Amino acid sequence: PETFQTKTHEYQWSVIAGHPYIVASYLWNTFDFATPLANRGDLPARNMKGLVTFDRKTKKDSYFWYKANWSEDPVLYLTQRRNVDREKKVTSITVYSNIGEPKVFLNGQELSGIHKGYTDVHYIIDNVTLKDGKNVVKAVVQSDGKTYEDTIEWMYTGEKKREADSFSIKGVHAGFE
């Protein structure tokens, strides 16, 4: 759920930021919260749409999205750090940096092809191939005489087949048909 939430916030903020006549907007919730009606994200009775977890201990990717876009504090942040067990061998890497374009490394090798996403703090590298086992992703920026680094680890153990991938009418359920 966190990856979907993050992509939603990335897109929505880019639309709002690109249209100055939108004079107000809001974030649904800062924190996940209890609700008896919710049953999503493998945790019953919890609405997981906050920027920070229910226990206030984990700032989600979307929290850092807004911090990178809105704050003057330096931000360098690799997303999907809690999505450790990777299901696809070819993936993308997303970095938020309000201190300049990052250099991104996978298992010690610098990656090329970085491009901006929705805003000036949004950087993406597409079509990154993971090796079997542990993969170390590192982002580095030099800014104002300082070196900023962020590192995450992903584990790739082979492609997974999900039941939802086999539904012939999944586009209907997603509202595309």
C-alpha atoms as a PDB file:
ATOM      1  CA  PRO A   1       0.000   0.000   0.000  1.00  0.00           C
ATOM      2  CA  GLU A   2       2.818   2.474   0.700  1.00  0.00           C
ATOM      3  CA  THR A   3       4.112   2.480  -2.876  1.00  0.00           C
ATOM      4  CA  PHE A   4       0.638   3.169  -4.275  1.00  0.00           C
ATOM      5  CA  GLN A   5       0.095   5.907  -1.685  1.00  0.00           C
ATOM      6  CA  THR A   6       3.405   7.532  -2.604  1.00  0.00           C
ATOM      7  CA  LYS A   7       2.737   7.516  -6.338  1.00  0.00           C
ATOM      8  CA  THR A   8      -0.682   9.061  -5.690  1.00  0.00           C
ATOM      9  CA  HIS A   9       0.853  11.894  -3.657  1.00  0.00           C
ATOM     10  CA  GLU A  10       3.597  12.460  -6.243  1.00  0.00           C
ATOM     11  CA  TYR A  11       1.066  12.915  -9.017  1.00  0.00           C
ATOM     12  CA  GLN A  12      -1.485  14.913  -7.042  1.00  0.00           C
ATOM     13  CA  TRP A  13       1.065  17.410  -5.720  1.00  0.00           C
ATOM     14  CA  SER A  14       2.522  17.880  -9.213  1.00  0.00           C
ATOM     15  CA  VAL A  15      -0.930  18.807 -10.530  1.00  0.00           C
ATOM     16  CA  ILE A  16      -1.596  21.210  -7.659  1.00  0.00           C
ATOM     17  CA  ALA A  17       1.874  22.784  -7.931  1.00  0.00           C
ATOM     18  CA  GLY A  18       1.438  23.251 -11.678  1.00  0.00           C
ATOM     19  CA  HIS A  19      -1.868  25.091 -11.354  1.00  0.00           C
ATOM     20  CA  PRO A  20      -1.490  28.255  -9.248  1.00  0.00           C
ATOM     21  CA  TYR A  21      -5.216  28.967  -9.427  1.00  0.00           C
ATOM     22  CA  ILE A  22      -5.767  26.046  -7.043  1.00  0.00           C
ATOM     23  CA  VAL A  23      -5.619  28.088  -3.856  1.00  0.00           C
ATOM     24  CA  ALA A  24      -6.189  25.327  -1.322  1.00  0.00           C
ATOM     25  CA  SER A  25      -5.810  21.612  -0.875  1.00  0.00           C
ATOM     26  CA  TYR A  26      -5.328  19.249   2.030  1.00  0.00           C
ATOM     27  CA  LEU A  27      -3.684  15.999   2.975  1.00  0.00           C
ATOM     28  CA  TRP A  28      -6.152  13.429   4.216  1.00  0.00           C
ATOM     29  CA  ASN A  29      -4.141  12.506   7.325  1.00  0.00           C
ATOM     30  CA  THR A  30      -0.749  13.001   8.837  1.00  0.00           C
ATOM     31  CA  PHE A  31      -0.969   9.719  10.758  1.00  0.00           C
ATOM     32  CA  ASP A  32      -2.525   6.314  10.170  1.00  0.00           C
ATOM     33  CA  PHE A  33      -5.553   5.964  12.433  1.00  0.00           C
ATOM     34  CA  ALA A  34      -7.916   3.382  13.879  1.00  0.00           C
ATOM     35  CA  THR A  35     -11.286   2.805  12.267  1.00  0.00           C
ATOM     36  CA  PRO A  36     -13.542  -0.223  12.695  1.00  0.00           C
ATOM     37  CA  LEU A  37     -14.565  -0.142   9.026  1.00  0.00           C
ATOM     38  CA  ALA A  38     -11.107  -0.533   7.486  1.00  0.00           C
ATOM     39  CA  ASN A  39      -9.597  -3.902   6.624  1.00  0.00           C
ATOM     40  CA  ARG A  40      -6.705  -3.177   4.274  1.00  0.00           C
ATOM     41  CA  GLY A  41      -2.954  -3.564   4.355  1.00  0.00           C
ATOM     42  CA  ASP A  42      -3.016  -6.782   6.406  1.00  0.00           C
ATOM     43  CA  LEU A  43      -3.998  -4.841   9.518  1.00  0.00           C
ATOM     44  CA  PRO A  44      -7.687  -4.807  10.468  1.00  0.00           C
ATOM     45  CA  ALA A  45      -9.341  -1.662  11.831  1.00  0.00           C
ATOM     46  CA  ARG A  46      -6.575   0.638  10.603  1.00  0.00           C
ATOM     47  CA  ASN A  47      -6.689   3.348   7.968  1.00  0.00           C
ATOM     48  CA  MET A  48      -3.186   3.352   6.470  1.00  0.00           C
ATOM     49  CA  LYS A  49      -3.404   6.607   4.497  1.00  0.00           C
ATOM     50  CA  GLY A  50      -1.275   8.724   6.839  1.00  0.00           C
ATOM     51  CA  LEU A  51       2.166  10.115   6.033  1.00  0.00           C
ATOM     52  CA  VAL A  52       3.407   8.576   9.292  1.00  0.00           C
ATOM     53  CA  THR A  53       2.517   5.209  10.830  1.00  0.00           C
ATOM     54  CA  PHE A  54      -0.052   4.769  13.598  1.00  0.00           C
ATOM     55  CA  ASP A  55       2.662   4.424  16.274  1.00  0.00           C
ATOM     56  CA  ARG A  56       4.344   7.656  15.027  1.00  0.00           C
ATOM     57  CA  LYS A  57       7.643   5.797  14.549  1.00  0.00           C
ATOM     58  CA  THR A  58       7.929   5.484  10.768  1.00  0.00           C
ATOM     59  CA  LYS A  59       7.768   8.357   8.315  1.00  0.00           C
ATOM     60  CA  LYS A  60       6.542   6.939   5.028  1.00  0.00           C
ATOM     61  CA  ASP A  61       7.886   7.753   1.567  1.00  0.00           C
ATOM     62  CA  SER A  62       5.095  10.272   0.996  1.00  0.00           C
ATOM     63  CA  TYR A  63       6.217  12.188   4.101  1.00  0.00           C
ATOM     64  CA  PHE A  64       9.653  12.668   2.511  1.00  0.00           C
ATOM     65  CA  TRP A  65       8.024  13.613  -0.811  1.00  0.00           C
ATOM     66  CA  TYR A  66       6.419  16.626   0.822  1.00  0.00           C
ATOM     67  CA  LYS A  67       9.494  17.421   2.903  1.00  0.00           C
ATOM     68  CA  ALA A  68      11.664  17.484  -0.233  1.00  0.00           C
ATOM     69  CA  ASN A  69       9.155  19.686  -2.065  1.00  0.00           C
ATOM     70  CA  TRP A  70       8.242  22.057   0.775  1.00  0.00           C
ATOM     71  CA  SER A  71      11.162  22.244   3.208  1.00  0.00           C
ATOM     72  CA  GLU A  72      14.427  24.153   3.008  1.00  0.00           C
ATOM     73  CA  ASP A  73      16.087  21.436   5.107  1.00  0.00           C
ATOM     74  CA  PRO A  74      18.296  19.207   2.942  1.00  0.00           C
ATOM     75  CA  VAL A  75      16.514  16.047   1.808  1.00  0.00           C
ATOM     76  CA  LEU A  76      18.035  13.049   0.046  1.00  0.00           C
ATOM     77  CA  TYR A  77      15.761  10.032   0.225  1.00  0.00           C
ATOM     78  CA  LEU A  78      15.491   6.711  -1.631  1.00  0.00           C
ATOM     79  CA  THR A  79      11.917   5.453  -1.797  1.00  0.00           C
ATOM     80  CA  GLN A  80      10.558   1.916  -1.336  1.00  0.00           C
ATOM     81  CA  ARG A  81      12.890   1.143   1.558  1.00  0.00           C
ATOM     82  CA  ARG A  82      10.224  -0.982   3.246  1.00  0.00           C
ATOM     83  CA  ASN A  83       9.465  -2.852   0.011  1.00  0.00           C
ATOM     84  CA  VAL A  84      12.536  -5.000   0.600  1.00  0.00           C
ATOM     85  CA  ASP A  85      11.466  -8.258  -1.060  1.00  0.00           C
ATOM     86  CA  ARG A  86      11.418  -7.295  -4.717  1.00  0.00           C
ATOM     87  CA  GLU A  87       9.147  -9.239  -7.048  1.00  0.00           C
ATOM     88  CA  LYS A  88      10.454  -7.945 -10.367  1.00  0.00           C
ATOM     89  CA  LYS A  89      14.002  -8.285 -11.633  1.00  0.00           C
ATOM     90  CA  VAL A  90      13.697  -5.082 -13.670  1.00  0.00           C
ATOM     91  CA  THR A  91      12.529  -2.135 -11.606  1.00  0.00           C
ATOM     92  CA  SER A  92      12.888   1.604 -11.213  1.00  0.00           C
ATOM     93  CA  ILE A  93      14.635   3.606  -8.515  1.00  0.00           C
ATOM     94  CA  THR A  94      13.117   6.837  -7.220  1.00  0.00           C
ATOM     95  CA  VAL A  95      15.007   9.478  -5.251  1.00  0.00           C
ATOM     96  CA  TYR A  96      13.803  12.697  -3.652  1.00  0.00           C
ATOM     97  CA  SER A  97      16.496  15.364  -3.455  1.00  0.00           C
ATOM     98  CA  ASN A  98      16.096  19.082  -2.880  1.00  0.00           C
ATOM     99  CA  ILE A  99      19.883  19.546  -2.825  1.00  0.00           C
ATOM    100  CA  GLY A 100      20.680  18.651  -6.430  1.00  0.00           C
ATOM    101  CA  GLU A 101      20.698  15.733  -8.813  1.00  0.00           C
ATOM    102  CA  PRO A 102      21.883  12.581  -7.071  1.00  0.00           C
ATOM    103  CA  LYS A 103      24.329  10.002  -8.299  1.00  0.00           C
ATOM    104  CA  VAL A 104      22.723   6.599  -7.834  1.00  0.00           C
ATOM    105  CA  PHE A 105      24.602   3.344  -7.374  1.00  0.00           C
ATOM    106  CA  LEU A 106      23.422  -0.259  -7.475  1.00  0.00           C
ATOM    107  CA  ASN A 107      25.798  -2.730  -5.840  1.00  0.00           C
ATOM    108  CA  GLY A 108      28.644  -0.225  -6.150  1.00  0.00           C
ATOM    109  CA  GLN A 109      28.105   0.557  -9.854  1.00  0.00           C
ATOM    110  CA  GLU A 110      26.943   4.053 -10.794  1.00  0.00           C
ATOM    111  CA  LEU A 111      23.726   4.004 -12.806  1.00  0.00           C
ATOM    112  CA  SER A 112      23.033   6.202 -15.809  1.00  0.00           C
ATOM    113  CA  GLY A 113      19.771   7.456 -17.232  1.00  0.00           C
ATOM    114  CA  ILE A 114      18.502   9.463 -14.290  1.00  0.00           C
ATOM    115  CA  HIS A 115      15.693  11.844 -15.213  1.00  0.00           C
ATOM    116  CA  LYS A 116      13.360  14.200 -13.413  1.00  0.00           C
ATOM    117  CA  GLY A 117       9.900  13.051 -12.451  1.00  0.00           C
ATOM    118  CA  TYR A 118       6.946  15.245 -11.540  1.00  0.00           C
ATOM    119  CA  THR A 119       8.852  18.066  -9.791  1.00  0.00           C
ATOM    120  CA  ASP A 120      12.385  19.421  -9.505  1.00  0.00           C
ATOM    121  CA  VAL A 121      13.089  17.218  -6.465  1.00  0.00           C
ATOM    122  CA  HIS A 122      11.874  13.971  -8.068  1.00  0.00           C
ATOM    123  CA  TYR A 123      14.481  11.759  -9.771  1.00  0.00           C
ATOM    124  CA  ILE A 124      13.892   8.389 -11.420  1.00  0.00           C
ATOM    125  CA  ILE A 125      16.048   5.741 -13.051  1.00  0.00           C
ATOM    126  CA  ASP A 126      14.013   3.258 -15.085  1.00  0.00           C
ATOM    127  CA  ASN A 127      14.832  -0.275 -16.228  1.00  0.00           C
ATOM    128  CA  VAL A 128      17.261  -1.144 -13.455  1.00  0.00           C
ATOM    129  CA  THR A 129      18.123  -4.853 -13.360  1.00  0.00           C
ATOM    130  CA  LEU A 130      18.560  -6.396  -9.928  1.00  0.00           C
ATOM    131  CA  LYS A 131      20.866  -9.327  -9.264  1.00  0.00           C
ATOM    132  CA  ASP A 132      19.687 -12.404  -7.397  1.00  0.00           C
ATOM    133  CA  GLY A 133      19.946 -11.933  -3.646  1.00  0.00           C
ATOM    134  CA  LYS A 134      20.834  -8.720  -1.844  1.00  0.00           C
ATOM    135  CA  ASN A 135      20.982  -5.453  -3.794  1.00  0.00           C
ATOM    136  CA  VAL A 136      22.363  -2.264  -2.244  1.00  0.00           C
ATOM    137  CA  VAL A 137      21.020   1.020  -3.630  1.00  0.00           C
ATOM    138  CA  LYS A 138      22.861   4.212  -2.714  1.00  0.00           C
ATOM    139  CA  ALA A 139      22.200   7.861  -3.586  1.00  0.00           C
ATOM    140  CA  VAL A 140      24.864  10.552  -3.147  1.00  0.00           C
ATOM    141  CA  VAL A 141      24.752  14.339  -3.531  1.00  0.00           C
ATOM    142  CA  GLN A 142      27.508  16.898  -2.966  1.00  0.00           C
ATOM    143  CA  SER A 143      25.992  20.203  -1.826  1.00  0.00           C
ATOM    144  CA  ASP A 144      27.479  23.234  -0.084  1.00  0.00           C
ATOM    145  CA  GLY A 145      30.689  21.375   0.722  1.00  0.00           C
ATOM    146  CA  LYS A 146      28.856  18.452   2.320  1.00  0.00           C
ATOM    147  CA  THR A 147      28.261  14.915   1.122  1.00  0.00           C
ATOM    148  CA  TYR A 148      24.758  13.536   1.630  1.00  0.00           C
ATOM    149  CA  GLU A 149      24.095   9.805   1.281  1.00  0.00           C
ATOM    150  CA  ASP A 150      21.119   7.498   1.592  1.00  0.00           C
ATOM    151  CA  THR A 151      21.337   3.718   1.298  1.00  0.00           C
ATOM    152  CA  ILE A 152      18.712   0.977   1.198  1.00  0.00           C
ATOM    153  CA  GLU A 153      18.808  -2.775   0.618  1.00  0.00           C
ATOM    154  CA  TRP A 154      16.478  -4.822  -1.533  1.00  0.00           C
ATOM    155  CA  MET A 155      16.286  -8.603  -1.833  1.00  0.00           C
ATOM    156  CA  TYR A 156      15.469 -10.234  -5.160  1.00  0.00           C
ATOM    157  CA  THR A 157      14.664 -13.954  -5.074  1.00  0.00           C
ATOM    158  CA  GLY A 158      12.875 -14.445  -8.373  1.00  0.00           C
ATOM    159  CA  GLU A 159       9.699 -13.395 -10.131  1.00  0.00           C
ATOM    160  CA  LYS A 160       6.482 -14.035  -8.267  1.00  0.00           C
ATOM    161  CA  LYS A 161       3.199 -14.959  -9.918  1.00  0.00           C
ATOM    162  CA  ARG A 162       0.242 -13.280  -8.265  1.00  0.00           C
ATOM    163  CA  GLU A 163      -3.284 -14.584  -8.601  1.00  0.00           C
ATOM    164  CA  ALA A 164      -4.443 -11.127  -9.720  1.00  0.00           C
ATOM    165  CA  ASP A 165      -2.050 -11.294 -12.696  1.00  0.00           C
ATOM    166  CA  SER A 166      -4.056 -14.189 -14.138  1.00  0.00           C
ATOM    167  CA  PHE A 167      -7.455 -12.478 -14.155  1.00  0.00           C
ATOM    168  CA  SER A 168      -8.478 -11.883 -17.750  1.00  0.00           C
ATOM    169  CA  ILE A 169     -10.779  -9.011 -16.826  1.00  0.00           C
ATOM    170  CA  LYS A 170      -8.563  -7.172 -14.329  1.00  0.00           C
ATOM    171  CA  GLY A 171      -8.859  -3.963 -16.384  1.00  0.00           C
ATOM    172  CA  VAL A 172     -12.586  -3.912 -15.661  1.00  0.00           C
ATOM    173  CA  HIS A 173     -11.982  -4.042 -11.920  1.00  0.00           C
ATOM    174  CA  ALA A 174      -9.466  -1.207 -12.166  1.00  0.00           C
ATOM    175  CA  GLY A 175     -11.954   0.942 -14.080  1.00  0.00           C
ATOM    176  CA  PHE A 176     -10.070   0.880 -17.389  1.00  0.00           C
ATOM    177  CA  GLU A 177     -12.764  -0.803 -19.469  1.00  0.00           C
END
